[in-house]
Amino acid sequence: YAASVKGRFTISKDNAKNTVYLQMSSLKPEDTAVYYCNAAGSL
């Protein structure tokens, strides 16, 4: 996790559905952005 979201955001993955989720809580104005999904690569 990025330091700015640690403790507020949770990433999870459903392997059966090939789907990744981002649960965002306690949202702040500085979280405003276009969010992009990315695949492959490493941790």
Full PDB file with SEQRES, HELIX, SHEET, SSBOND, CRYST1, ORIGX, SCALE, CONECT and MASTER records, all heavy atoms in Angstrom:
SEQRES   1 A   43  TYR ALA ALA SER VAL LYS GLY ARG PHE THR ILE SER LYS          
SEQRES   2 A   43  ASP ASN ALA LYS ASN THR VAL TYR LEU GLN MET SER SER          
SEQRES   3 A   43  LEU LYS PRO GLU ASP THR ALA VAL TYR TYR CYS ASN ALA          
SEQRES   4 A   43  ALA GLY SER LEU                                              
HELIX    1 AA1 ASN A   15  LYS A   17  5                                   3    
HELIX    2 AA2 PRO A   29  ASP A   31  5                                   3    
SHEET    1 AA1 2 PHE A   9  ASP A  14  0                                        
SHEET    2 AA1 2 THR A  19  MET A  24 -1                                        
CRYST1    1.000    1.000    1.000  90.00  90.00  90.00 P 1           1          
ORIGX1      1.000000  0.000000  0.000000        0.00000                         
ORIGX2      0.000000  1.000000  0.000000        0.00000                         
ORIGX3      0.000000  0.000000  1.000000        0.00000                         
SCALE1      1.000000  0.000000  0.000000        0.00000                         
SCALE2      0.000000  1.000000  0.000000        0.00000                         
SCALE3      0.000000  0.000000  1.000000        0.00000                         
ATOM      1  N   TYR A   1       0.825  -1.208   0.000  1.00  0.00           N  
ATOM      2  CA  TYR A   1       0.000   0.000   0.000  1.00  0.00           C  
ATOM      3  C   TYR A   1       0.858   1.257   0.000  1.00  0.00           C  
ATOM      4  O   TYR A   1       1.927   1.286   0.611  1.00  0.00           O  
ATOM      5  CB  TYR A   1      -0.879   0.055   1.251  1.00  0.00           C  
ATOM      6  CG  TYR A   1      -1.967  -0.975   1.309  1.00  0.00           C  
ATOM      7  CD1 TYR A   1      -1.794  -2.174   1.980  1.00  0.00           C  
ATOM      8  CD2 TYR A   1      -3.194  -0.736   0.700  1.00  0.00           C  
ATOM      9  CE1 TYR A   1      -2.803  -3.127   2.043  1.00  0.00           C  
ATOM     10  CE2 TYR A   1      -4.220  -1.678   0.759  1.00  0.00           C  
ATOM     11  CZ  TYR A   1      -4.006  -2.871   1.434  1.00  0.00           C  
ATOM     12  OH  TYR A   1      -5.014  -3.794   1.489  1.00  0.00           O  
ATOM     13  N   ALA A   2       0.331   2.278  -0.637  1.00  0.00           N  
ATOM     14  CA  ALA A   2       0.926   3.593  -0.474  1.00  0.00           C  
ATOM     15  C   ALA A   2       0.679   4.071   0.946  1.00  0.00           C  
ATOM     16  O   ALA A   2      -0.370   3.791   1.543  1.00  0.00           O  
ATOM     17  CB  ALA A   2       0.301   4.570  -1.472  1.00  0.00           C  
ATOM     18  N   ALA A   3       1.618   4.831   1.472  1.00  0.00           N  
ATOM     19  CA  ALA A   3       1.506   5.303   2.850  1.00  0.00           C  
ATOM     20  C   ALA A   3       0.256   6.153   3.052  1.00  0.00           C  
ATOM     21  O   ALA A   3      -0.359   6.140   4.118  1.00  0.00           O  
ATOM     22  CB  ALA A   3       2.754   6.094   3.226  1.00  0.00           C  
ATOM     23  N   SER A   4      -0.124   6.878   2.030  1.00  0.00           N  
ATOM     24  CA  SER A   4      -1.254   7.808   2.139  1.00  0.00           C  
ATOM     25  C   SER A   4      -2.601   7.102   2.296  1.00  0.00           C  
ATOM     26  O   SER A   4      -3.576   7.728   2.716  1.00  0.00           O  
ATOM     27  CB  SER A   4      -1.302   8.722   0.918  1.00  0.00           C  
ATOM     28  OG  SER A   4      -1.437   7.947  -0.260  1.00  0.00           O  
ATOM     29  N   VAL A   5      -2.672   5.816   1.949  1.00  0.00           N  
ATOM     30  CA  VAL A   5      -3.950   5.107   2.020  1.00  0.00           C  
ATOM     31  C   VAL A   5      -3.931   3.967   3.028  1.00  0.00           C  
ATOM     32  O   VAL A   5      -4.983   3.369   3.303  1.00  0.00           O  
ATOM     33  CB  VAL A   5      -4.369   4.550   0.640  1.00  0.00           C  
ATOM     34  CG1 VAL A   5      -4.365   5.657  -0.396  1.00  0.00           C  
ATOM     35  CG2 VAL A   5      -3.489   3.392   0.208  1.00  0.00           C  
ATOM     36  N   LYS A   6      -2.782   3.673   3.584  1.00  0.00           N  
ATOM     37  CA  LYS A   6      -2.662   2.541   4.514  1.00  0.00           C  
ATOM     38  C   LYS A   6      -3.584   2.764   5.708  1.00  0.00           C  
ATOM     39  O   LYS A   6      -3.600   3.848   6.298  1.00  0.00           O  
ATOM     40  CB  LYS A   6      -1.220   2.395   4.960  1.00  0.00           C  
ATOM     41  CG  LYS A   6      -0.887   1.046   5.557  1.00  0.00           C  
ATOM     42  CD  LYS A   6       0.600   0.895   5.787  1.00  0.00           C  
ATOM     43  CE  LYS A   6       1.370   0.811   4.493  1.00  0.00           C  
ATOM     44  NZ  LYS A   6       2.813   0.516   4.713  1.00  0.00           N  
ATOM     45  N   GLY A   7      -4.351   1.740   6.041  1.00  0.00           N  
ATOM     46  CA  GLY A   7      -5.295   1.832   7.141  1.00  0.00           C  
ATOM     47  C   GLY A   7      -6.668   2.328   6.724  1.00  0.00           C  
ATOM     48  O   GLY A   7      -7.630   2.214   7.490  1.00  0.00           O  
ATOM     49  N   ARG A   8      -6.783   2.884   5.525  1.00  0.00           N  
ATOM     50  CA  ARG A   8      -8.083   3.361   5.032  1.00  0.00           C  
ATOM     51  C   ARG A   8      -8.582   2.538   3.850  1.00  0.00           C  
ATOM     52  O   ARG A   8      -9.788   2.363   3.670  1.00  0.00           O  
ATOM     53  CB  ARG A   8      -7.985   4.829   4.600  1.00  0.00           C  
ATOM     54  CG  ARG A   8      -7.605   5.778   5.707  1.00  0.00           C  
ATOM     55  CD  ARG A   8      -7.733   7.239   5.263  1.00  0.00           C  
ATOM     56  NE  ARG A   8      -6.851   7.546   4.141  1.00  0.00           N  
ATOM     57  CZ  ARG A   8      -7.270   8.014   2.969  1.00  0.00           C  
ATOM     58  NH1 ARG A   8      -8.556   8.216   2.758  1.00  0.00           N  
ATOM     59  NH2 ARG A   8      -6.396   8.293   2.005  1.00  0.00           N  
ATOM     60  N   PHE A   9      -7.661   2.068   3.033  1.00  0.00           N  
ATOM     61  CA  PHE A   9      -8.016   1.302   1.836  1.00  0.00           C  
ATOM     62  C   PHE A   9      -7.613  -0.152   2.022  1.00  0.00           C  
ATOM     63  O   PHE A   9      -6.594  -0.448   2.670  1.00  0.00           O  
ATOM     64  CB  PHE A   9      -7.293   1.838   0.607  1.00  0.00           C  
ATOM     65  CG  PHE A   9      -7.744   3.202   0.137  1.00  0.00           C  
ATOM     66  CD1 PHE A   9      -8.585   4.002   0.886  1.00  0.00           C  
ATOM     67  CD2 PHE A   9      -7.284   3.700  -1.071  1.00  0.00           C  
ATOM     68  CE1 PHE A   9      -8.988   5.249   0.450  1.00  0.00           C  
ATOM     69  CE2 PHE A   9      -7.666   4.945  -1.529  1.00  0.00           C  
ATOM     70  CZ  PHE A   9      -8.522   5.728  -0.762  1.00  0.00           C  
ATOM     71  N   THR A  10      -8.389  -1.043   1.420  1.00  0.00           N  
ATOM     72  CA  THR A  10      -8.071  -2.470   1.460  1.00  0.00           C  
ATOM     73  C   THR A  10      -8.194  -3.047   0.063  1.00  0.00           C  
ATOM     74  O   THR A  10      -9.247  -2.921  -0.582  1.00  0.00           O  
ATOM     75  CB  THR A  10      -9.016  -3.224   2.404  1.00  0.00           C  
ATOM     76  OG1 THR A  10      -8.918  -2.677   3.719  1.00  0.00           O  
ATOM     77  CG2 THR A  10      -8.644  -4.699   2.456  1.00  0.00           C  
ATOM     78  N   ILE A  11      -7.133  -3.701  -0.391  1.00  0.00           N  
ATOM     79  CA  ILE A  11      -7.162  -4.373  -1.679  1.00  0.00           C  
ATOM     80  C   ILE A  11      -7.392  -5.858  -1.438  1.00  0.00           C  
ATOM     81  O   ILE A  11      -6.865  -6.438  -0.485  1.00  0.00           O  
ATOM     82  CB  ILE A  11      -5.859  -4.131  -2.475  1.00  0.00           C  
ATOM     83  CG1 ILE A  11      -6.007  -4.653  -3.908  1.00  0.00           C  
ATOM     84  CG2 ILE A  11      -4.645  -4.705  -1.768  1.00  0.00           C  
ATOM     85  CD1 ILE A  11      -4.870  -4.232  -4.821  1.00  0.00           C  
ATOM     86  N   SER A  12      -8.208  -6.459  -2.283  1.00  0.00           N  
ATOM     87  CA  SER A  12      -8.469  -7.891  -2.176  1.00  0.00           C  
ATOM     88  C   SER A  12      -8.660  -8.471  -3.573  1.00  0.00           C  
ATOM     89  O   SER A  12      -8.845  -7.726  -4.535  1.00  0.00           O  
ATOM     90  CB  SER A  12      -9.704  -8.161  -1.311  1.00  0.00           C  
ATOM     91  OG  SER A  12     -10.853  -7.562  -1.882  1.00  0.00           O  
ATOM     92  N   LYS A  13      -8.627  -9.795  -3.642  1.00  0.00           N  
ATOM     93  CA  LYS A  13      -8.655 -10.442  -4.950  1.00  0.00           C  
ATOM     94  C   LYS A  13      -9.511 -11.697  -4.879  1.00  0.00           C  
ATOM     95  O   LYS A  13      -9.400 -12.459  -3.924  1.00  0.00           O  
ATOM     96  CB  LYS A  13      -7.225 -10.783  -5.365  1.00  0.00           C  
ATOM     97  CG  LYS A  13      -6.998 -11.116  -6.813  1.00  0.00           C  
ATOM     98  CD  LYS A  13      -5.503 -11.040  -7.100  1.00  0.00           C  
ATOM     99  CE  LYS A  13      -5.185 -11.466  -8.530  1.00  0.00           C  
ATOM    100  NZ  LYS A  13      -5.166 -12.903  -8.704  1.00  0.00           N  
ATOM    101  N   ASP A  14     -10.376 -11.865  -5.844  1.00  0.00           N  
ATOM    102  CA  ASP A  14     -11.165 -13.082  -5.980  1.00  0.00           C  
ATOM    103  C   ASP A  14     -10.598 -13.851  -7.165  1.00  0.00           C  
ATOM    104  O   ASP A  14     -10.865 -13.498  -8.327  1.00  0.00           O  
ATOM    105  CB  ASP A  14     -12.639 -12.733  -6.207  1.00  0.00           C  
ATOM    106  CG  ASP A  14     -13.528 -13.966  -6.215  1.00  0.00           C  
ATOM    107  OD1 ASP A  14     -13.049 -15.063  -6.570  1.00  0.00           O  
ATOM    108  OD2 ASP A  14     -14.709 -13.822  -5.885  1.00  0.00           O  
ATOM    109  N   ASN A  15      -9.803 -14.858  -6.878  1.00  0.00           N  
ATOM    110  CA  ASN A  15      -9.128 -15.589  -7.955  1.00  0.00           C  
ATOM    111  C   ASN A  15     -10.119 -16.323  -8.863  1.00  0.00           C  
ATOM    112  O   ASN A  15      -9.882 -16.451 -10.068  1.00  0.00           O  
ATOM    113  CB  ASN A  15      -8.129 -16.573  -7.364  1.00  0.00           C  
ATOM    114  CG  ASN A  15      -6.942 -15.867  -6.749  1.00  0.00           C  
ATOM    115  OD1 ASN A  15      -6.494 -14.827  -7.220  1.00  0.00           O  
ATOM    116  ND2 ASN A  15      -6.437 -16.420  -5.650  1.00  0.00           N  
ATOM    117  N   ALA A  16     -11.218 -16.772  -8.295  1.00  0.00           N  
ATOM    118  CA  ALA A  16     -12.202 -17.501  -9.103  1.00  0.00           C  
ATOM    119  C   ALA A  16     -12.853 -16.598 -10.140  1.00  0.00           C  
ATOM    120  O   ALA A  16     -13.270 -17.066 -11.208  1.00  0.00           O  
ATOM    121  CB  ALA A  16     -13.266 -18.104  -8.193  1.00  0.00           C  
ATOM    122  N   LYS A  17     -12.923 -15.309  -9.839  1.00  0.00           N  
ATOM    123  CA  LYS A  17     -13.557 -14.350 -10.755  1.00  0.00           C  
ATOM    124  C   LYS A  17     -12.536 -13.488 -11.481  1.00  0.00           C  
ATOM    125  O   LYS A  17     -12.928 -12.606 -12.255  1.00  0.00           O  
ATOM    126  CB  LYS A  17     -14.516 -13.444  -9.977  1.00  0.00           C  
ATOM    127  CG  LYS A  17     -15.684 -14.173  -9.335  1.00  0.00           C  
ATOM    128  CD  LYS A  17     -16.600 -13.201  -8.613  1.00  0.00           C  
ATOM    129  CE  LYS A  17     -17.786 -13.920  -8.001  1.00  0.00           C  
ATOM    130  NZ  LYS A  17     -18.683 -12.978  -7.276  1.00  0.00           N  
ATOM    131  N   ASN A  18     -11.247 -13.723 -11.240  1.00  0.00           N  
ATOM    132  CA  ASN A  18     -10.189 -12.889 -11.844  1.00  0.00           C  
ATOM    133  C   ASN A  18     -10.465 -11.412 -11.597  1.00  0.00           C  
ATOM    134  O   ASN A  18     -10.310 -10.572 -12.509  1.00  0.00           O  
ATOM    135  CB  ASN A  18     -10.084 -13.159 -13.353  1.00  0.00           C  
ATOM    136  CG  ASN A  18      -9.677 -14.583 -13.660  1.00  0.00           C  
ATOM    137  OD1 ASN A  18      -8.998 -15.237 -12.857  1.00  0.00           O  
ATOM    138  ND2 ASN A  18     -10.098 -15.076 -14.808  1.00  0.00           N  
ATOM    139  N   THR A  19     -10.890 -11.098 -10.393  1.00  0.00           N  
ATOM    140  CA  THR A  19     -11.313  -9.741 -10.074  1.00  0.00           C  
ATOM    141  C   THR A  19     -10.551  -9.222  -8.859  1.00  0.00           C  
ATOM    142  O   THR A  19     -10.367  -9.959  -7.888  1.00  0.00           O  
ATOM    143  CB  THR A  19     -12.825  -9.696  -9.808  1.00  0.00           C  
ATOM    144  OG1 THR A  19     -13.521 -10.108 -10.996  1.00  0.00           O  
ATOM    145  CG2 THR A  19     -13.270  -8.288  -9.433  1.00  0.00           C  
ATOM    146  N   VAL A  20     -10.136  -7.979  -8.931  1.00  0.00           N  
ATOM    147  CA  VAL A  20      -9.500  -7.314  -7.802  1.00  0.00           C  
ATOM    148  C   VAL A  20     -10.397  -6.173  -7.344  1.00  0.00           C  
ATOM    149  O   VAL A  20     -11.055  -5.524  -8.165  1.00  0.00           O  
ATOM    150  CB  VAL A  20      -8.088  -6.811  -8.182  1.00  0.00           C  
ATOM    151  CG1 VAL A  20      -8.141  -5.746  -9.255  1.00  0.00           C  
ATOM    152  CG2 VAL A  20      -7.351  -6.304  -6.954  1.00  0.00           C  
ATOM    153  N   TYR A  21     -10.439  -5.977  -6.047  1.00  0.00           N  
ATOM    154  CA  TYR A  21     -11.284  -4.950  -5.450  1.00  0.00           C  
ATOM    155  C   TYR A  21     -10.432  -3.956  -4.678  1.00  0.00           C  
ATOM    156  O   TYR A  21      -9.362  -4.294  -4.176  1.00  0.00           O  
ATOM    157  CB  TYR A  21     -12.294  -5.576  -4.484  1.00  0.00           C  
ATOM    158  CG  TYR A  21     -13.154  -6.640  -5.115  1.00  0.00           C  
ATOM    159  CD1 TYR A  21     -12.830  -7.991  -4.987  1.00  0.00           C  
ATOM    160  CD2 TYR A  21     -14.291  -6.307  -5.836  1.00  0.00           C  
ATOM    161  CE1 TYR A  21     -13.609  -8.984  -5.554  1.00  0.00           C  
ATOM    162  CE2 TYR A  21     -15.088  -7.287  -6.415  1.00  0.00           C  
ATOM    163  CZ  TYR A  21     -14.736  -8.621  -6.276  1.00  0.00           C  
ATOM    164  OH  TYR A  21     -15.521  -9.595  -6.857  1.00  0.00           O  
ATOM    165  N   LEU A  22     -10.941  -2.741  -4.582  1.00  0.00           N  
ATOM    166  CA  LEU A  22     -10.329  -1.738  -3.716  1.00  0.00           C  
ATOM    167  C   LEU A  22     -11.433  -1.141  -2.865  1.00  0.00           C  
ATOM    168  O   LEU A  22     -12.276  -0.389  -3.381  1.00  0.00           O  
ATOM    169  CB  LEU A  22      -9.623  -0.647  -4.525  1.00  0.00           C  
ATOM    170  CG  LEU A  22      -8.861   0.371  -3.687  1.00  0.00           C  
ATOM    171  CD1 LEU A  22      -7.634  -0.287  -3.024  1.00  0.00           C  
ATOM    172  CD2 LEU A  22      -8.416   1.558  -4.544  1.00  0.00           C  
ATOM    173  N   GLN A  23     -11.451  -1.505  -1.603  1.00  0.00           N  
ATOM    174  CA  GLN A  23     -12.403  -0.932  -0.662  1.00  0.00           C  
ATOM    175  C   GLN A  23     -11.785   0.321  -0.063  1.00  0.00           C  
ATOM    176  O   GLN A  23     -10.739   0.245   0.583  1.00  0.00           O  
ATOM    177  CB  GLN A  23     -12.737  -1.937   0.435  1.00  0.00           C  
ATOM    178  CG  GLN A  23     -13.684  -1.409   1.480  1.00  0.00           C  
ATOM    179  CD  GLN A  23     -15.076  -1.159   0.927  1.00  0.00           C  
ATOM    180  OE1 GLN A  23     -15.633  -2.000   0.219  1.00  0.00           O  
ATOM    181  NE2 GLN A  23     -15.649   0.004   1.227  1.00  0.00           N  
ATOM    182  N   MET A  24     -12.427   1.442  -0.293  1.00  0.00           N  
ATOM    183  CA  MET A  24     -11.905   2.728   0.161  1.00  0.00           C  
ATOM    184  C   MET A  24     -12.823   3.279   1.251  1.00  0.00           C  
ATOM    185  O   MET A  24     -14.035   3.417   1.021  1.00  0.00           O  
ATOM    186  CB  MET A  24     -11.823   3.706  -1.009  1.00  0.00           C  
ATOM    187  CG  MET A  24     -10.995   3.186  -2.176  1.00  0.00           C  
ATOM    188  SD  MET A  24     -10.820   4.380  -3.516  1.00  0.00           S  
ATOM    189  CE  MET A  24     -12.507   4.411  -4.126  1.00  0.00           C  
ATOM    190  N   SER A  25     -12.244   3.574   2.396  1.00  0.00           N  
ATOM    191  CA  SER A  25     -13.004   4.105   3.519  1.00  0.00           C  
ATOM    192  C   SER A  25     -12.387   5.420   3.982  1.00  0.00           C  
ATOM    193  O   SER A  25     -11.250   5.733   3.633  1.00  0.00           O  
ATOM    194  CB  SER A  25     -13.006   3.095   4.672  1.00  0.00           C  
ATOM    195  OG  SER A  25     -13.550   1.864   4.272  1.00  0.00           O  
ATOM    196  N   SER A  26     -13.160   6.153   4.762  1.00  0.00           N  
ATOM    197  CA  SER A  26     -12.692   7.448   5.286  1.00  0.00           C  
ATOM    198  C   SER A  26     -12.093   8.305   4.186  1.00  0.00           C  
ATOM    199  O   SER A  26     -10.991   8.853   4.326  1.00  0.00           O  
ATOM    200  CB  SER A  26     -11.668   7.223   6.403  1.00  0.00           C  
ATOM    201  OG  SER A  26     -12.214   6.445   7.441  1.00  0.00           O  
ATOM    202  N   LEU A  27     -12.822   8.425   3.105  1.00  0.00           N  
ATOM    203  CA  LEU A  27     -12.301   9.136   1.938  1.00  0.00           C  
ATOM    204  C   LEU A  27     -12.106  10.620   2.221  1.00  0.00           C  
ATOM    205  O   LEU A  27     -12.873  11.244   2.959  1.00  0.00           O  
ATOM    206  CB  LEU A  27     -13.227   8.927   0.746  1.00  0.00           C  
ATOM    207  CG  LEU A  27     -13.073   7.547   0.082  1.00  0.00           C  
ATOM    208  CD1 LEU A  27     -14.296   7.213  -0.761  1.00  0.00           C  
ATOM    209  CD2 LEU A  27     -11.814   7.509  -0.758  1.00  0.00           C  
ATOM    210  N   LYS A  28     -11.052  11.149   1.601  1.00  0.00           N  
ATOM    211  CA  LYS A  28     -10.672  12.543   1.776  1.00  0.00           C  
ATOM    212  C   LYS A  28     -10.689  13.237   0.412  1.00  0.00           C  
ATOM    213  O   LYS A  28     -10.564  12.578  -0.625  1.00  0.00           O  
ATOM    214  CB  LYS A  28      -9.258  12.629   2.360  1.00  0.00           C  
ATOM    215  CG  LYS A  28      -9.046  11.869   3.644  1.00  0.00           C  
ATOM    216  CD  LYS A  28      -7.586  11.912   4.065  1.00  0.00           C  
ATOM    217  CE  LYS A  28      -7.340  11.127   5.333  1.00  0.00           C  
ATOM    218  NZ  LYS A  28      -5.924  11.174   5.747  1.00  0.00           N  
ATOM    219  N   PRO A  29     -10.783  14.560   0.400  1.00  0.00           N  
ATOM    220  CA  PRO A  29     -10.745  15.268  -0.889  1.00  0.00           C  
ATOM    221  C   PRO A  29      -9.489  14.949  -1.697  1.00  0.00           C  
ATOM    222  O   PRO A  29      -9.551  14.885  -2.935  1.00  0.00           O  
ATOM    223  CB  PRO A  29     -10.795  16.739  -0.473  1.00  0.00           C  
ATOM    224  CG  PRO A  29     -11.508  16.732   0.822  1.00  0.00           C  
ATOM    225  CD  PRO A  29     -11.068  15.474   1.515  1.00  0.00           C  
ATOM    226  N   GLU A  30      -8.371  14.719  -1.014  1.00  0.00           N  
ATOM    227  CA  GLU A  30      -7.129  14.419  -1.735  1.00  0.00           C  
ATOM    228  C   GLU A  30      -7.122  13.034  -2.363  1.00  0.00           C  
ATOM    229  O   GLU A  30      -6.176  12.684  -3.083  1.00  0.00           O  
ATOM    230  CB  GLU A  30      -5.914  14.586  -0.812  1.00  0.00           C  
ATOM    231  CG  GLU A  30      -6.012  13.868   0.508  1.00  0.00           C  
ATOM    232  CD  GLU A  30      -6.511  14.778   1.633  1.00  0.00           C  
ATOM    233  OE1 GLU A  30      -7.468  15.573   1.403  1.00  0.00           O  
ATOM    234  OE2 GLU A  30      -5.957  14.677   2.748  1.00  0.00           O  
ATOM    235  N   ASP A  31      -8.132  12.229  -2.107  1.00  0.00           N  
ATOM    236  CA  ASP A  31      -8.273  10.944  -2.785  1.00  0.00           C  
ATOM    237  C   ASP A  31      -8.925  11.099  -4.160  1.00  0.00           C  
ATOM    238  O   ASP A  31      -9.015  10.124  -4.920  1.00  0.00           O  
ATOM    239  CB  ASP A  31      -9.102   9.974  -1.946  1.00  0.00           C  
ATOM    240  CG  ASP A  31      -8.421   9.598  -0.639  1.00  0.00           C  
ATOM    241  OD1 ASP A  31      -7.194   9.345  -0.658  1.00  0.00           O  
ATOM    242  OD2 ASP A  31      -9.112   9.560   0.397  1.00  0.00           O  
ATOM    243  N   THR A  32      -9.391  12.290  -4.457  1.00  0.00           N  
ATOM    244  CA  THR A  32     -10.011  12.537  -5.753  1.00  0.00           C  
ATOM    245  C   THR A  32      -9.008  12.326  -6.877  1.00  0.00           C  
ATOM    246  O   THR A  32      -7.925  12.922  -6.877  1.00  0.00           O  
ATOM    247  CB  THR A  32     -10.570  13.971  -5.815  1.00  0.00           C  
ATOM    248  OG1 THR A  32     -11.632  14.098  -4.858  1.00  0.00           O  
ATOM    249  CG2 THR A  32     -11.100  14.296  -7.207  1.00  0.00           C  
ATOM    250  N   ALA A  33      -9.366  11.460  -7.820  1.00  0.00           N  
ATOM    251  CA  ALA A  33      -8.455  11.108  -8.917  1.00  0.00           C  
ATOM    252  C   ALA A  33      -9.166  10.144  -9.859  1.00  0.00           C  
ATOM    253  O   ALA A  33     -10.255   9.636  -9.531  1.00  0.00           O  
ATOM    254  CB  ALA A  33      -7.195  10.456  -8.380  1.00  0.00           C  
ATOM    255  N   VAL A  34      -8.531   9.897 -10.987  1.00  0.00           N  
ATOM    256  CA  VAL A  34      -8.932   8.777 -11.823  1.00  0.00           C  
ATOM    257  C   VAL A  34      -8.148   7.563 -11.336  1.00  0.00           C  
ATOM    258  O   VAL A  34      -6.919   7.617 -11.219  1.00  0.00           O  
ATOM    259  CB  VAL A  34      -8.642   9.041 -13.312  1.00  0.00           C  
ATOM    260  CG1 VAL A  34      -9.020   7.813 -14.140  1.00  0.00           C  
ATOM    261  CG2 VAL A  34      -9.408  10.273 -13.793  1.00  0.00           C  
ATOM    262  N   TYR A  35      -8.867   6.497 -11.042  1.00  0.00           N  
ATOM    263  CA  TYR A  35      -8.249   5.278 -10.528  1.00  0.00           C  
ATOM    264  C   TYR A  35      -8.135   4.259 -11.663  1.00  0.00           C  
ATOM    265  O   TYR A  35      -9.111   3.987 -12.374  1.00  0.00           O  
ATOM    266  CB  TYR A  35      -9.074   4.714  -9.377  1.00  0.00           C  
ATOM    267  CG  TYR A  35      -8.866   5.482  -8.093  1.00  0.00           C  
ATOM    268  CD1 TYR A  35      -9.347   6.786  -7.954  1.00  0.00           C  
ATOM    269  CD2 TYR A  35      -8.178   4.933  -7.022  1.00  0.00           C  
ATOM    270  CE1 TYR A  35      -9.138   7.514  -6.796  1.00  0.00           C  
ATOM    271  CE2 TYR A  35      -7.968   5.644  -5.848  1.00  0.00           C  
ATOM    272  CZ  TYR A  35      -8.450   6.926  -5.742  1.00  0.00           C  
ATOM    273  OH  TYR A  35      -8.240   7.637  -4.580  1.00  0.00           O  
ATOM    274  N   TYR A  36      -6.944   3.708 -11.805  1.00  0.00           N  
ATOM    275  CA  TYR A  36      -6.658   2.763 -12.876  1.00  0.00           C  
ATOM    276  C   TYR A  36      -6.310   1.395 -12.299  1.00  0.00           C  
ATOM    277  O   TYR A  36      -5.491   1.285 -11.377  1.00  0.00           O  
ATOM    278  CB  TYR A  36      -5.480   3.241 -13.718  1.00  0.00           C  
ATOM    279  CG  TYR A  36      -5.730   4.518 -14.474  1.00  0.00           C  
ATOM    280  CD1 TYR A  36      -5.405   5.741 -13.918  1.00  0.00           C  
ATOM    281  CD2 TYR A  36      -6.281   4.492 -15.755  1.00  0.00           C  
ATOM    282  CE1 TYR A  36      -5.632   6.921 -14.604  1.00  0.00           C  
ATOM    283  CE2 TYR A  36      -6.507   5.664 -16.453  1.00  0.00           C  
ATOM    284  CZ  TYR A  36      -6.178   6.881 -15.871  1.00  0.00           C  
ATOM    285  OH  TYR A  36      -6.408   8.037 -16.565  1.00  0.00           O  
ATOM    286  N   CYS A  37      -6.897   0.392 -12.875  1.00  0.00           N  
ATOM    287  CA  CYS A  37      -6.532  -0.985 -12.561  1.00  0.00           C  
ATOM    288  C   CYS A  37      -5.281  -1.357 -13.359  1.00  0.00           C  
ATOM    289  O   CYS A  37      -5.141  -0.955 -14.525  1.00  0.00           O  
ATOM    290  CB  CYS A  37      -7.689  -1.907 -12.920  1.00  0.00           C  
ATOM    291  SG  CYS A  37      -7.390  -3.660 -12.587  1.00  0.00           S  
ATOM    292  N   ASN A  38      -4.414  -2.135 -12.746  1.00  0.00           N  
ATOM    293  CA  ASN A  38      -3.191  -2.576 -13.406  1.00  0.00           C  
ATOM    294  C   ASN A  38      -3.016  -4.076 -13.203  1.00  0.00           C  
ATOM    295  O   ASN A  38      -3.350  -4.594 -12.130  1.00  0.00           O  
ATOM    296  CB  ASN A  38      -1.988  -1.832 -12.833  1.00  0.00           C  
ATOM    297  CG  ASN A  38      -0.687  -2.318 -13.417  1.00  0.00           C  
ATOM    298  OD1 ASN A  38       0.020  -3.126 -12.817  1.00  0.00           O  
ATOM    299  ND2 ASN A  38      -0.357  -1.817 -14.604  1.00  0.00           N  
ATOM    300  N   ALA A  39      -2.493  -4.754 -14.199  1.00  0.00           N  
ATOM    301  CA  ALA A  39      -2.324  -6.204 -14.114  1.00  0.00           C  
ATOM    302  C   ALA A  39      -0.940  -6.628 -14.591  1.00  0.00           C  
ATOM    303  O   ALA A  39      -0.339  -5.958 -15.442  1.00  0.00           O  
ATOM    304  CB  ALA A  39      -3.397  -6.905 -14.931  1.00  0.00           C  
ATOM    305  N   ALA A  40      -0.508  -7.778 -14.049  1.00  0.00           N  
ATOM    306  CA  ALA A  40       0.832  -8.333 -14.252  1.00  0.00           C  
ATOM    307  C   ALA A  40       1.827  -7.559 -13.382  1.00  0.00           C  
ATOM    308  O   ALA A  40       1.443  -6.821 -12.488  1.00  0.00           O  
ATOM    309  CB  ALA A  40       1.213  -8.371 -15.717  1.00  0.00           C  
ATOM    310  N   GLY A  41       3.115  -7.701 -13.658  1.00  0.00           N  
ATOM    311  CA  GLY A  41       4.095  -7.057 -12.793  1.00  0.00           C  
ATOM    312  C   GLY A  41       4.351  -7.880 -11.549  1.00  0.00           C  
ATOM    313  O   GLY A  41       4.212  -9.107 -11.549  1.00  0.00           O  
ATOM    314  N   SER A  42       4.689  -7.210 -10.460  1.00  0.00           N  
ATOM    315  CA  SER A  42       5.002  -7.887  -9.213  1.00  0.00           C  
ATOM    316  C   SER A  42       4.357  -7.136  -8.057  1.00  0.00           C  
ATOM    317  O   SER A  42       3.562  -6.224  -8.265  1.00  0.00           O  
ATOM    318  CB  SER A  42       6.519  -7.952  -9.019  1.00  0.00           C  
ATOM    319  OG  SER A  42       7.024  -6.649  -8.772  1.00  0.00           O  
ATOM    320  N   LEU A  43       4.701  -7.513  -6.842  1.00  0.00           N  
ATOM    321  CA  LEU A  43       4.138  -6.822  -5.691  1.00  0.00           C  
ATOM    322  C   LEU A  43       4.569  -5.361  -5.646  1.00  0.00           C  
ATOM    323  O   LEU A  43       3.854  -4.502  -5.124  1.00  0.00           O  
ATOM    324  CB  LEU A  43       4.583  -7.537  -4.411  1.00  0.00           C  
ATOM    325  CG  LEU A  43       3.981  -7.017  -3.097  1.00  0.00           C  
ATOM    326  CD1 LEU A  43       2.462  -7.132  -3.104  1.00  0.00           C  
ATOM    327  CD2 LEU A  43       4.579  -7.760  -1.910  1.00  0.00           C  
TER     328      LEU A  43                                                      
MASTER        0    0    0    2    2    0    0    6  327    1    0    4          
END                                                                             
